[in-house]
């Protein structure tokens, strides 16, 4: 076999190898795309279903802001969904409790049974509904400090809440703290003012009726 023939065969083999590699990558990408599409189709379509499907042990919100956004989504479903089953309601509460710091959960009044009873009574008596209008302080404005050797952050939120047909503008300040697994957990909260909220960029402008 002369040198020219060897070069031709070598080039031909190289082309086949490259083509095979490209084909392999193409089919691998197609399989991944199909898998992702199937997983997307398998996701629940309702907000309650989506929240119950979240695996917060594996994929926990990374920032205090994201923790509070999820907090309000869970509360909105628990208060607003009239036909929600008992099992789904309890499932949402379990998800909500995963956002709470151990110190908060250790209080007697915050046992699962007590929280479940209080949520149901509050929902029934107060006639409460939480609007989709909910503003959470952006993460780049959150001030993180160290207290007792742990990172802590305060986050201000705003929500429109209706109680017994009366609409209220509610500003709240939450304290979050990193736990031993570096997850931001809610330690507590209190009411705050529109002025304090405005200082960190949390403002609400009422939409004008057309």
N, C-alpha and C. Protein backbone atom coordinates (compact mmCIF):
# COMPACT_ATOMS: atom_id res chain seq x y z
N UNK A 1 0.85 -1.19 0.00
CA UNK A 1 0.00 0.00 0.00
C UNK A 1 0.89 1.24 0.00
N UNK A 2 0.72 2.10 -1.01
CA UNK A 2 1.59 3.27 -1.09
C UNK A 2 1.15 4.35 -0.11
N UNK A 3 1.96 5.38 0.04
CA UNK A 3 1.71 6.44 1.02
C UNK A 3 0.43 7.20 0.70
N UNK A 4 0.19 7.42 -0.57
CA UNK A 4 -1.01 8.17 -0.97
C UNK A 4 -2.27 7.43 -0.56
N UNK A 5 -2.27 6.10 -0.80
CA UNK A 5 -3.44 5.28 -0.42
C UNK A 5 -3.66 5.31 1.08
N UNK A 6 -2.54 5.22 1.83
CA UNK A 6 -2.65 5.26 3.29
C UNK A 6 -3.24 6.59 3.76
N UNK A 7 -2.82 7.70 3.14
CA UNK A 7 -3.34 9.02 3.51
C UNK A 7 -4.85 9.11 3.24
N UNK A 8 -5.24 8.57 2.07
CA UNK A 8 -6.67 8.61 1.71
C UNK A 8 -7.50 7.81 2.71
N UNK A 9 -7.01 6.59 3.03
CA UNK A 9 -7.73 5.74 3.98
C UNK A 9 -7.78 6.40 5.36
N UNK A 10 -6.66 7.01 5.74
CA UNK A 10 -6.60 7.68 7.05
C UNK A 10 -7.59 8.83 7.13
N UNK A 11 -7.66 9.61 6.05
CA UNK A 11 -8.59 10.73 6.02
C UNK A 11 -10.03 10.24 6.05
N UNK A 12 -10.28 9.15 5.33
CA UNK A 12 -11.62 8.58 5.28
C UNK A 12 -12.07 8.10 6.67
N UNK A 13 -11.16 7.42 7.35
CA UNK A 13 -11.45 6.93 8.71
C UNK A 13 -11.73 8.10 9.65
N UNK A 14 -10.93 9.16 9.53
CA UNK A 14 -11.10 10.33 10.39
C UNK A 14 -12.47 10.96 10.17
N UNK A 15 -12.89 11.02 8.90
CA UNK A 15 -14.20 11.59 8.57
C UNK A 15 -15.31 10.75 9.19
N UNK A 16 -15.16 9.43 9.12
CA UNK A 16 -16.18 8.53 9.71
C UNK A 16 -16.26 8.73 11.22
N UNK A 17 -15.08 8.85 11.87
CA UNK A 17 -15.05 9.04 13.33
C UNK A 17 -15.73 10.34 13.73
N UNK A 18 -15.41 11.43 13.02
CA UNK A 18 -16.01 12.73 13.31
C UNK A 18 -17.52 12.68 13.08
N UNK A 19 -17.94 12.06 11.98
CA UNK A 19 -19.36 11.96 11.67
C UNK A 19 -20.10 11.16 12.75
N UNK A 20 -19.45 10.08 13.22
CA UNK A 20 -20.06 9.26 14.26
C UNK A 20 -20.21 10.06 15.55
N UNK A 21 -19.17 10.85 15.85
CA UNK A 21 -19.21 11.68 17.07
C UNK A 21 -20.33 12.71 16.98
N UNK A 22 -20.44 13.37 15.83
CA UNK A 22 -21.49 14.37 15.64
C UNK A 22 -22.87 13.74 15.75
N UNK A 23 -23.02 12.55 15.14
CA UNK A 23 -24.30 11.84 15.21
C UNK A 23 -24.64 11.48 16.66
N UNK A 24 -23.60 11.02 17.40
CA UNK A 24 -23.82 10.67 18.81
C UNK A 24 -24.26 11.85 19.63
N UNK A 25 -23.62 12.99 19.41
CA UNK A 25 -23.99 14.21 20.14
C UNK A 25 -25.41 14.63 19.79
N UNK A 26 -25.74 14.54 18.51
CA UNK A 26 -27.08 14.93 18.03
C UNK A 26 -28.16 14.09 18.71
N UNK A 27 -27.95 12.75 18.71
CA UNK A 27 -28.95 11.87 19.33
C UNK A 27 -29.01 12.06 20.84
N UNK A 28 -27.86 12.34 21.46
CA UNK A 28 -27.84 12.59 22.91
C UNK A 28 -28.63 13.85 23.25
N UNK A 29 -28.44 14.90 22.44
CA UNK A 29 -29.17 16.15 22.66
C UNK A 29 -30.66 15.95 22.44
N UNK A 30 -31.02 15.15 21.43
CA UNK A 30 -32.42 14.87 21.17
C UNK A 30 -33.06 14.12 22.33
N UNK A 31 -32.31 13.13 22.87
CA UNK A 31 -32.84 12.36 23.99
C UNK A 31 -33.04 13.25 25.21
N UNK A 32 -32.07 14.17 25.45
CA UNK A 32 -32.19 15.08 26.58
C UNK A 32 -33.38 16.02 26.42
N UNK A 33 -33.56 16.52 25.18
CA UNK A 33 -34.68 17.42 24.90
C UNK A 33 -36.01 16.71 25.11
N UNK A 34 -36.08 15.45 24.64
CA UNK A 34 -37.31 14.67 24.81
C UNK A 34 -37.59 14.41 26.28
N UNK A 35 -36.52 14.11 27.03
CA UNK A 35 -36.66 13.85 28.47
C UNK A 35 -37.19 15.08 29.20
N UNK A 36 -36.61 16.27 28.87
CA UNK A 36 -37.04 17.51 29.50
C UNK A 36 -38.49 17.84 29.14
N UNK A 37 -38.85 17.56 27.88
CA UNK A 37 -40.22 17.82 27.45
C UNK A 37 -41.20 16.92 28.20
N UNK A 38 -40.81 15.66 28.39
CA UNK A 38 -41.66 14.72 29.12
C UNK A 38 -41.81 15.14 30.58
N UNK A 39 -40.69 15.59 31.18
CA UNK A 39 -40.73 16.05 32.57
C UNK A 39 -41.61 17.28 32.71
N UNK A 40 -41.55 18.18 31.71
CA UNK A 40 -42.36 19.39 31.72
C UNK A 40 -43.84 19.04 31.64
N UNK A 41 -44.16 18.06 30.79
CA UNK A 41 -45.55 17.64 30.63
C UNK A 41 -46.07 16.98 31.91
N UNK A 42 -45.16 16.34 32.65
CA UNK A 42 -45.55 15.62 33.86
C UNK A 42 -45.81 16.56 35.03
N UNK A 43 -45.34 17.81 34.95
CA UNK A 43 -45.54 18.76 36.04
C UNK A 43 -47.01 19.11 36.20
N UNK A 44 -47.47 19.28 37.43
CA UNK A 44 -48.87 19.67 37.66
C UNK A 44 -49.15 21.03 37.02
N UNK A 45 -50.39 21.23 36.60
CA UNK A 45 -50.75 22.49 35.94
C UNK A 45 -51.26 23.52 36.94
N UNK A 46 -51.81 23.09 38.07
CA UNK A 46 -52.35 24.02 39.05
C UNK A 46 -51.25 24.56 39.96
N UNK A 47 -51.49 25.74 40.55
CA UNK A 47 -50.51 26.32 41.46
C UNK A 47 -50.33 25.44 42.70
N UNK A 48 -51.43 24.90 43.20
CA UNK A 48 -51.32 24.01 44.36
C UNK A 48 -50.46 22.80 44.02
N UNK A 49 -50.72 22.21 42.87
CA UNK A 49 -49.94 21.04 42.44
C UNK A 49 -48.47 21.35 42.28
N UNK A 50 -48.16 22.51 41.70
CA UNK A 50 -46.77 22.90 41.50
C UNK A 50 -46.04 23.07 42.83
N UNK A 51 -46.73 23.68 43.80
CA UNK A 51 -46.12 23.91 45.11
C UNK A 51 -45.92 22.61 45.87
N UNK A 52 -46.88 21.70 45.76
CA UNK A 52 -46.76 20.42 46.43
C UNK A 52 -45.67 19.56 45.80
N UNK A 53 -45.42 19.77 44.51
CA UNK A 53 -44.42 18.97 43.80
C UNK A 53 -42.99 19.42 44.05
N UNK A 54 -42.82 20.61 44.65
CA UNK A 54 -41.47 21.11 44.91
C UNK A 54 -40.76 20.25 45.94
N UNK A 55 -39.54 19.84 45.61
CA UNK A 55 -38.71 19.09 46.55
C UNK A 55 -37.75 20.09 47.21
N UNK A 56 -38.16 20.63 48.33
CA UNK A 56 -37.37 21.67 48.99
C UNK A 56 -36.14 21.12 49.70
N UNK A 57 -36.09 19.81 49.86
CA UNK A 57 -34.88 19.22 50.44
C UNK A 57 -33.74 19.24 49.41
N UNK A 58 -34.10 19.00 48.16
CA UNK A 58 -33.09 18.96 47.09
C UNK A 58 -32.87 20.32 46.44
N UNK A 59 -33.94 21.09 46.28
CA UNK A 59 -33.84 22.38 45.59
C UNK A 59 -34.50 23.46 46.42
N UNK A 60 -33.73 24.04 47.33
CA UNK A 60 -34.23 25.06 48.24
C UNK A 60 -33.93 26.44 47.67
N UNK A 61 -34.80 27.44 47.91
CA UNK A 61 -34.52 28.81 47.42
C UNK A 61 -33.14 29.29 47.88
N UNK A 62 -32.41 29.92 46.97
CA UNK A 62 -31.03 30.28 47.26
C UNK A 62 -30.86 31.59 48.02
N UNK A 63 -31.85 32.49 47.94
CA UNK A 63 -31.71 33.81 48.56
C UNK A 63 -32.89 34.09 49.50
N UNK A 64 -32.72 35.02 50.44
CA UNK A 64 -33.83 35.40 51.31
C UNK A 64 -35.04 35.89 50.51
N UNK A 65 -34.79 36.62 49.43
CA UNK A 65 -35.87 37.11 48.58
C UNK A 65 -36.69 35.96 48.01
N UNK A 66 -36.01 34.93 47.50
CA UNK A 66 -36.72 33.79 46.93
C UNK A 66 -37.49 33.02 48.00
N UNK A 67 -36.95 32.96 49.20
CA UNK A 67 -37.65 32.31 50.30
C UNK A 67 -38.98 33.01 50.57
N UNK A 68 -38.95 34.35 50.61
CA UNK A 68 -40.17 35.10 50.89
C UNK A 68 -41.17 35.04 49.74
N UNK A 69 -40.69 34.99 48.51
CA UNK A 69 -41.61 34.84 47.38
C UNK A 69 -42.36 33.51 47.49
N UNK A 70 -41.64 32.45 47.84
CA UNK A 70 -42.28 31.15 48.00
C UNK A 70 -43.22 31.15 49.20
N UNK A 71 -42.82 31.82 50.26
CA UNK A 71 -43.67 31.96 51.45
C UNK A 71 -45.04 32.53 51.08
N UNK A 72 -45.04 33.60 50.29
CA UNK A 72 -46.31 34.23 49.93
C UNK A 72 -47.11 33.39 48.93
N UNK A 73 -46.43 32.68 48.06
CA UNK A 73 -47.15 31.79 47.14
C UNK A 73 -47.89 30.71 47.93
N UNK A 74 -47.22 30.14 48.92
CA UNK A 74 -47.85 29.10 49.74
C UNK A 74 -49.03 29.66 50.53
N UNK A 75 -48.83 30.82 51.15
CA UNK A 75 -49.91 31.44 51.91
C UNK A 75 -51.10 31.79 51.02
N UNK A 76 -50.80 32.27 49.82
CA UNK A 76 -51.89 32.65 48.90
C UNK A 76 -52.76 31.43 48.57
N UNK A 77 -52.12 30.30 48.32
CA UNK A 77 -52.88 29.09 48.01
C UNK A 77 -53.69 28.61 49.22
N UNK A 78 -53.08 28.68 50.39
CA UNK A 78 -53.76 28.18 51.59
C UNK A 78 -54.97 29.02 51.95
N UNK A 79 -54.89 30.32 51.71
CA UNK A 79 -56.01 31.21 52.04
C UNK A 79 -57.02 31.34 50.90
N UNK A 80 -56.55 31.31 49.67
CA UNK A 80 -57.43 31.65 48.55
C UNK A 80 -58.18 30.46 47.95
N UNK A 81 -57.58 29.28 48.03
CA UNK A 81 -58.20 28.13 47.38
C UNK A 81 -59.36 27.61 48.22
N UNK A 82 -60.58 27.82 47.73
CA UNK A 82 -61.75 27.42 48.50
C UNK A 82 -62.00 25.92 48.50
N UNK A 83 -61.76 25.27 47.37
CA UNK A 83 -62.07 23.84 47.28
C UNK A 83 -60.89 22.94 47.55
N UNK A 84 -59.86 23.45 48.20
CA UNK A 84 -58.66 22.65 48.44
C UNK A 84 -58.96 21.52 49.44
N UNK A 85 -58.44 20.32 49.16
CA UNK A 85 -58.69 19.18 50.05
C UNK A 85 -57.87 19.31 51.32
N UNK A 86 -58.27 18.58 52.35
CA UNK A 86 -57.54 18.61 53.62
C UNK A 86 -56.11 18.13 53.44
N UNK A 87 -55.93 17.09 52.63
CA UNK A 87 -54.58 16.55 52.44
C UNK A 87 -53.68 17.55 51.72
N UNK A 88 -54.22 18.26 50.73
CA UNK A 88 -53.44 19.27 50.02
C UNK A 88 -53.12 20.45 50.95
N UNK A 89 -54.09 20.84 51.77
CA UNK A 89 -53.88 21.94 52.72
C UNK A 89 -52.75 21.58 53.68
N UNK A 90 -52.78 20.38 54.19
CA UNK A 90 -51.74 19.93 55.10
C UNK A 90 -50.39 19.83 54.39
N UNK A 91 -50.42 19.41 53.13
CA UNK A 91 -49.19 19.34 52.35
C UNK A 91 -48.56 20.70 52.15
N UNK A 92 -49.39 21.71 51.88
CA UNK A 92 -48.89 23.08 51.72
C UNK A 92 -48.30 23.60 53.03
N UNK A 93 -48.94 23.26 54.14
CA UNK A 93 -48.41 23.70 55.44
C UNK A 93 -47.06 23.05 55.72
N UNK A 94 -46.92 21.80 55.35
CA UNK A 94 -45.62 21.12 55.53
C UNK A 94 -44.54 21.80 54.70
N UNK A 95 -44.89 22.20 53.48
CA UNK A 95 -43.93 22.93 52.64
C UNK A 95 -43.57 24.27 53.27
N UNK A 96 -44.58 24.95 53.81
CA UNK A 96 -44.36 26.25 54.44
C UNK A 96 -43.44 26.11 55.64
N UNK A 97 -43.62 25.08 56.43
CA UNK A 97 -42.82 24.88 57.63
C UNK A 97 -41.35 24.60 57.30
N UNK A 98 -41.09 24.12 56.10
CA UNK A 98 -39.70 23.90 55.68
C UNK A 98 -38.95 25.21 55.49
N UNK A 99 -39.70 26.32 55.39
CA UNK A 99 -39.08 27.64 55.25
C UNK A 99 -38.78 28.26 56.61
N UNK A 100 -39.26 27.64 57.70
CA UNK A 100 -39.13 28.21 59.03
C UNK A 100 -37.87 27.71 59.74
N UNK A 101 -37.28 28.60 60.53
CA UNK A 101 -36.12 28.25 61.33
C UNK A 101 -36.52 27.29 62.47
N UNK A 102 -35.58 26.46 62.88
CA UNK A 102 -35.85 25.49 63.94
C UNK A 102 -36.30 26.19 65.23
N UNK A 103 -35.72 27.35 65.50
CA UNK A 103 -36.08 28.09 66.70
C UNK A 103 -37.55 28.50 66.68
N UNK A 104 -38.04 28.88 65.52
CA UNK A 104 -39.45 29.27 65.38
C UNK A 104 -40.35 28.06 65.53
N UNK A 105 -39.97 26.95 64.93
CA UNK A 105 -40.78 25.74 64.99
C UNK A 105 -40.78 25.11 66.38
N UNK A 106 -39.76 25.40 67.18
CA UNK A 106 -39.65 24.80 68.52
C UNK A 106 -40.64 25.39 69.51
N UNK A 107 -41.24 26.53 69.18
CA UNK A 107 -42.21 27.15 70.08
C UNK A 107 -43.50 26.31 70.11
N UNK A 108 -44.06 26.16 71.30
CA UNK A 108 -45.22 25.29 71.48
C UNK A 108 -46.37 25.64 70.55
N UNK A 109 -46.60 26.95 70.36
CA UNK A 109 -47.73 27.37 69.52
C UNK A 109 -47.47 27.13 68.04
N UNK A 110 -46.25 26.70 67.70
CA UNK A 110 -45.92 26.47 66.29
C UNK A 110 -45.74 25.00 65.95
N UNK A 111 -46.33 24.13 66.77
CA UNK A 111 -46.34 22.71 66.40
C UNK A 111 -47.20 22.56 65.15
N UNK A 112 -47.05 21.47 64.44
CA UNK A 112 -47.82 21.28 63.21
C UNK A 112 -49.32 21.35 63.47
N UNK A 113 -49.76 20.64 64.51
CA UNK A 113 -51.20 20.59 64.80
C UNK A 113 -51.75 21.97 65.16
N UNK A 114 -50.99 22.73 65.96
CA UNK A 114 -51.44 24.07 66.35
C UNK A 114 -51.49 25.01 65.15
N UNK A 115 -50.46 24.95 64.31
CA UNK A 115 -50.44 25.81 63.12
C UNK A 115 -51.58 25.45 62.18
N UNK A 116 -51.84 24.17 62.02
CA UNK A 116 -52.92 23.73 61.14
C UNK A 116 -54.26 24.25 61.65
N UNK A 117 -54.49 24.12 62.95
CA UNK A 117 -55.74 24.59 63.54
C UNK A 117 -55.88 26.11 63.39
N UNK A 118 -54.80 26.84 63.67
CA UNK A 118 -54.85 28.30 63.60
C UNK A 118 -55.06 28.79 62.17
N UNK A 119 -54.41 28.13 61.21
CA UNK A 119 -54.59 28.51 59.81
C UNK A 119 -56.04 28.33 59.38
N UNK A 120 -56.62 27.20 59.74
CA UNK A 120 -57.99 26.91 59.32
C UNK A 120 -58.98 27.87 59.99
N UNK A 121 -58.76 28.14 61.27
CA UNK A 121 -59.66 29.07 61.98
C UNK A 121 -59.54 30.48 61.41
N UNK A 122 -58.30 30.89 61.14
CA UNK A 122 -58.07 32.22 60.60
C UNK A 122 -58.69 32.37 59.23
N UNK A 123 -58.55 31.35 58.42
CA UNK A 123 -59.12 31.38 57.06
C UNK A 123 -60.64 31.49 57.12
N UNK A 124 -61.24 30.78 58.06
CA UNK A 124 -62.70 30.75 58.16
C UNK A 124 -63.26 32.03 58.77
N UNK A 125 -62.66 32.50 59.86
CA UNK A 125 -63.19 33.64 60.59
C UNK A 125 -62.88 34.97 59.93
N UNK A 126 -61.64 35.11 59.49
CA UNK A 126 -61.22 36.41 58.95
C UNK A 126 -61.69 36.63 57.52
N UNK A 127 -62.09 35.56 56.85
CA UNK A 127 -62.47 35.70 55.45
C UNK A 127 -61.34 36.31 54.64
N UNK A 128 -60.13 35.84 54.91
CA UNK A 128 -58.93 36.45 54.34
C UNK A 128 -58.62 35.91 52.95
N UNK A 129 -58.17 36.79 52.09
CA UNK A 129 -57.68 36.42 50.76
C UNK A 129 -56.47 37.28 50.44
N UNK A 130 -55.46 36.67 49.85
CA UNK A 130 -54.21 37.38 49.55
C UNK A 130 -54.14 37.66 48.06
N UNK A 131 -53.96 38.90 47.71
CA UNK A 131 -53.91 39.31 46.31
C UNK A 131 -52.64 38.81 45.64
N UNK A 132 -52.68 38.76 44.32
CA UNK A 132 -51.47 38.42 43.55
C UNK A 132 -50.49 39.58 43.55
N UNK A 133 -50.97 40.76 44.00
CA UNK A 133 -50.09 41.92 44.13
C UNK A 133 -49.24 41.74 45.38
N UNK A 134 -48.02 41.30 45.18
CA UNK A 134 -47.11 41.04 46.30
C UNK A 134 -45.70 41.45 45.88
N UNK A 135 -45.11 42.34 46.64
CA UNK A 135 -43.78 42.86 46.30
C UNK A 135 -42.80 42.43 47.39
N UNK A 136 -41.68 41.86 46.97
CA UNK A 136 -40.64 41.42 47.91
C UNK A 136 -39.36 42.20 47.63
N UNK A 137 -38.73 42.67 48.67
CA UNK A 137 -37.48 43.41 48.54
C UNK A 137 -36.47 42.63 47.69
N UNK A 138 -35.83 43.29 46.75
CA UNK A 138 -34.88 42.62 45.87
C UNK A 138 -33.62 42.23 46.64
N UNK A 139 -33.01 41.14 46.20
CA UNK A 139 -31.88 40.58 46.94
C UNK A 139 -30.68 41.53 47.00
N UNK A 140 -30.51 42.35 45.96
CA UNK A 140 -29.34 43.25 45.95
C UNK A 140 -29.47 44.40 46.94
N UNK A 141 -30.64 44.57 47.55
CA UNK A 141 -30.82 45.62 48.57
C UNK A 141 -30.88 45.05 49.99
N UNK A 142 -30.81 43.73 50.09
CA UNK A 142 -30.91 43.07 51.41
C UNK A 142 -29.58 43.21 52.16
N UNK A 143 -29.66 43.66 53.39
CA UNK A 143 -28.48 43.84 54.23
C UNK A 143 -28.28 42.59 55.09
N UNK A 144 -27.12 41.96 54.94
CA UNK A 144 -26.79 40.76 55.70
C UNK A 144 -25.80 41.12 56.81
N UNK A 145 -26.13 40.73 58.04
CA UNK A 145 -25.26 40.99 59.18
C UNK A 145 -25.02 39.67 59.93
N UNK A 146 -24.02 39.68 60.79
CA UNK A 146 -23.72 38.49 61.58
C UNK A 146 -24.18 38.71 63.02
N UNK A 147 -25.03 37.79 63.51
CA UNK A 147 -25.53 37.84 64.87
C UNK A 147 -25.30 36.48 65.52
N UNK A 148 -24.60 36.49 66.63
CA UNK A 148 -24.30 35.24 67.35
C UNK A 148 -23.65 34.20 66.44
N UNK A 149 -22.79 34.69 65.55
CA UNK A 149 -22.05 33.79 64.68
C UNK A 149 -22.81 33.28 63.48
N UNK A 150 -24.04 33.80 63.25
CA UNK A 150 -24.83 33.35 62.10
C UNK A 150 -25.23 34.54 61.23
N UNK A 151 -25.29 34.30 59.93
CA UNK A 151 -25.71 35.34 58.99
C UNK A 151 -27.21 35.56 59.09
N UNK A 152 -27.59 36.81 59.22
CA UNK A 152 -29.01 37.16 59.31
C UNK A 152 -29.34 38.27 58.32
N UNK A 153 -30.57 38.29 57.87
CA UNK A 153 -31.00 39.30 56.91
C UNK A 153 -32.44 39.69 57.19
N UNK A 154 -32.76 40.96 56.97
CA UNK A 154 -34.15 41.42 57.07
C UNK A 154 -34.66 41.73 55.67
N UNK A 155 -35.87 41.31 55.40
CA UNK A 155 -36.48 41.49 54.08
C UNK A 155 -37.88 42.06 54.28
N UNK A 156 -38.20 43.11 53.56
CA UNK A 156 -39.52 43.74 53.66
C UNK A 156 -40.39 43.31 52.48
N UNK A 157 -41.63 43.02 52.77
CA UNK A 157 -42.58 42.64 51.73
C UNK A 157 -43.84 43.49 51.82
N UNK A 158 -44.55 43.54 50.70
CA UNK A 158 -45.85 44.23 50.65
C UNK A 158 -46.87 43.30 50.00
N UNK A 159 -48.05 43.24 50.57
CA UNK A 159 -49.13 42.48 49.96
C UNK A 159 -50.46 43.18 50.16
N UNK A 160 -51.32 43.05 49.18
CA UNK A 160 -52.71 43.48 49.33
C UNK A 160 -53.50 42.30 49.89
N UNK A 161 -54.14 42.52 51.02
CA UNK A 161 -54.89 41.45 51.68
C UNK A 161 -56.32 41.92 51.93
N UNK A 162 -57.26 41.03 51.65
CA UNK A 162 -58.66 41.35 51.92
C UNK A 162 -59.14 40.54 53.11
N UNK A 163 -59.72 41.23 54.09
CA UNK A 163 -60.30 40.57 55.25
C UNK A 163 -61.73 41.05 55.43
N UNK A 164 -62.66 40.10 55.31
CA UNK A 164 -64.09 40.44 55.43
C UNK A 164 -64.47 41.63 54.54
N UNK A 165 -64.06 41.53 53.27
CA UNK A 165 -64.39 42.52 52.24
C UNK A 165 -63.70 43.87 52.42
N UNK A 166 -62.73 43.93 53.33
CA UNK A 166 -61.96 45.17 53.52
C UNK A 166 -60.54 44.92 53.01
N UNK A 167 -60.11 45.76 52.06
CA UNK A 167 -58.77 45.62 51.49
C UNK A 167 -57.75 46.35 52.35
N UNK A 168 -56.64 45.69 52.62
CA UNK A 168 -55.59 46.28 53.45
C UNK A 168 -54.25 46.21 52.72
N UNK A 169 -53.46 47.25 52.89
CA UNK A 169 -52.10 47.26 52.37
C UNK A 169 -51.19 46.86 53.54
N UNK A 170 -50.56 45.71 53.42
CA UNK A 170 -49.80 45.16 54.54
C UNK A 170 -48.30 45.14 54.22
N UNK A 171 -47.54 45.87 55.01
CA UNK A 171 -46.07 45.86 54.91
C UNK A 171 -45.53 45.06 56.10
N UNK A 172 -44.65 44.10 55.82
CA UNK A 172 -44.08 43.29 56.89
C UNK A 172 -42.56 43.17 56.72
N UNK A 173 -41.89 43.10 57.86
CA UNK A 173 -40.43 42.92 57.86
C UNK A 173 -40.13 41.53 58.42
N UNK A 174 -39.43 40.73 57.62
CA UNK A 174 -39.08 39.37 58.00
C UNK A 174 -37.60 39.28 58.38
N UNK A 175 -37.32 38.41 59.36
CA UNK A 175 -35.94 38.10 59.69
C UNK A 175 -35.65 36.69 59.19
N UNK A 176 -34.59 36.56 58.40
CA UNK A 176 -34.14 35.25 57.92
C UNK A 176 -32.73 34.99 58.44
N UNK A 177 -32.43 33.72 58.64
CA UNK A 177 -31.11 33.35 59.16
C UNK A 177 -30.62 32.08 58.46
N UNK A 178 -29.33 32.03 58.17
CA UNK A 178 -28.75 30.83 57.57
C UNK A 178 -28.65 29.73 58.62
N UNK A 179 -29.09 28.53 58.25
CA UNK A 179 -28.97 27.42 59.19
C UNK A 179 -27.67 26.66 58.94
N UNK A 180 -27.52 25.51 59.57
CA UNK A 180 -26.28 24.74 59.47
C UNK A 180 -26.03 24.21 58.06
N UNK A 181 -27.07 24.18 57.22
CA UNK A 181 -26.95 23.71 55.84
C UNK A 181 -26.91 24.89 54.86
N UNK A 182 -26.67 26.10 55.40
CA UNK A 182 -26.58 27.32 54.59
C UNK A 182 -27.89 27.69 53.90
N UNK A 183 -29.01 27.22 54.45
CA UNK A 183 -30.31 27.57 53.90
C UNK A 183 -30.89 28.75 54.69
N UNK A 184 -31.47 29.70 53.96
CA UNK A 184 -32.09 30.85 54.62
C UNK A 184 -33.45 30.43 55.15
N UNK A 185 -33.64 30.54 56.47
CA UNK A 185 -34.89 30.16 57.11
C UNK A 185 -35.51 31.36 57.83
N UNK A 186 -36.83 31.40 57.84
CA UNK A 186 -37.56 32.51 58.47
C UNK A 186 -37.56 32.33 59.99
N UNK A 187 -37.08 33.35 60.70
CA UNK A 187 -37.04 33.32 62.16
C UNK A 187 -38.28 33.99 62.75
N UNK A 188 -38.76 35.05 62.09
CA UNK A 188 -39.93 35.76 62.59
C UNK A 188 -40.25 36.95 61.70
N UNK A 189 -41.31 37.67 62.04
CA UNK A 189 -41.70 38.84 61.25
C UNK A 189 -42.56 39.78 62.10
N UNK A 190 -42.67 41.00 61.61
CA UNK A 190 -43.50 42.01 62.28
C UNK A 190 -43.97 43.02 61.25
N UNK A 191 -45.02 43.74 61.61
CA UNK A 191 -45.52 44.77 60.71
C UNK A 191 -44.53 45.93 60.65
N UNK A 192 -44.47 46.57 59.50
CA UNK A 192 -43.63 47.75 59.34
C UNK A 192 -44.43 48.80 58.56
N UNK A 193 -43.78 49.89 58.21
CA UNK A 193 -44.51 51.01 57.58
C UNK A 193 -44.15 51.14 56.11
N UNK A 194 -44.98 51.88 55.39
CA UNK A 194 -44.73 52.16 53.98
C UNK A 194 -43.44 52.97 53.82
N UNK A 195 -43.17 53.85 54.78
CA UNK A 195 -41.95 54.66 54.72
C UNK A 195 -40.70 53.80 54.83
N UNK A 196 -40.71 52.86 55.78
CA UNK A 196 -39.56 51.96 55.92
C UNK A 196 -39.40 51.10 54.67
N UNK A 197 -40.52 50.66 54.12
CA UNK A 197 -40.46 49.83 52.92
C UNK A 197 -39.90 50.60 51.74
N UNK A 198 -40.29 51.87 51.63
CA UNK A 198 -39.82 52.70 50.51
C UNK A 198 -38.31 52.89 50.54
N UNK A 199 -37.72 52.87 51.73
CA UNK A 199 -36.27 53.05 51.86
C UNK A 199 -35.48 51.92 51.19
N UNK A 200 -36.11 50.75 51.07
CA UNK A 200 -35.41 49.62 50.43
C UNK A 200 -36.04 49.28 49.08
N UNK A 201 -36.85 50.22 48.57
CA UNK A 201 -37.38 50.07 47.21
C UNK A 201 -38.67 49.30 47.10
N UNK A 202 -39.32 49.01 48.23
CA UNK A 202 -40.60 48.30 48.18
C UNK A 202 -41.72 49.33 48.23
N UNK A 203 -42.27 49.63 47.07
CA UNK A 203 -43.33 50.63 46.98
C UNK A 203 -44.49 50.09 46.16
N UNK A 204 -45.68 50.56 46.49
CA UNK A 204 -46.87 50.13 45.77
C UNK A 204 -47.60 51.33 45.20
N UNK A 205 -47.85 51.28 43.92
CA UNK A 205 -48.62 52.33 43.26
C UNK A 205 -49.94 51.74 42.81
N UNK A 206 -51.02 52.28 43.35
CA UNK A 206 -52.33 51.79 43.01
C UNK A 206 -52.64 52.05 41.55
N UNK A 207 -53.08 50.97 40.86
CA UNK A 207 -53.41 51.13 39.43
C UNK A 207 -54.67 51.97 39.26
N UNK A 208 -54.60 52.87 38.31
CA UNK A 208 -55.76 53.72 38.05
C UNK A 208 -56.79 52.96 37.23
N UNK A 209 -58.05 53.13 37.61
CA UNK A 209 -59.12 52.48 36.85
C UNK A 209 -59.29 53.15 35.49
N UNK A 210 -59.41 52.31 34.47
CA UNK A 210 -59.57 52.84 33.12
C UNK A 210 -61.02 53.20 32.87
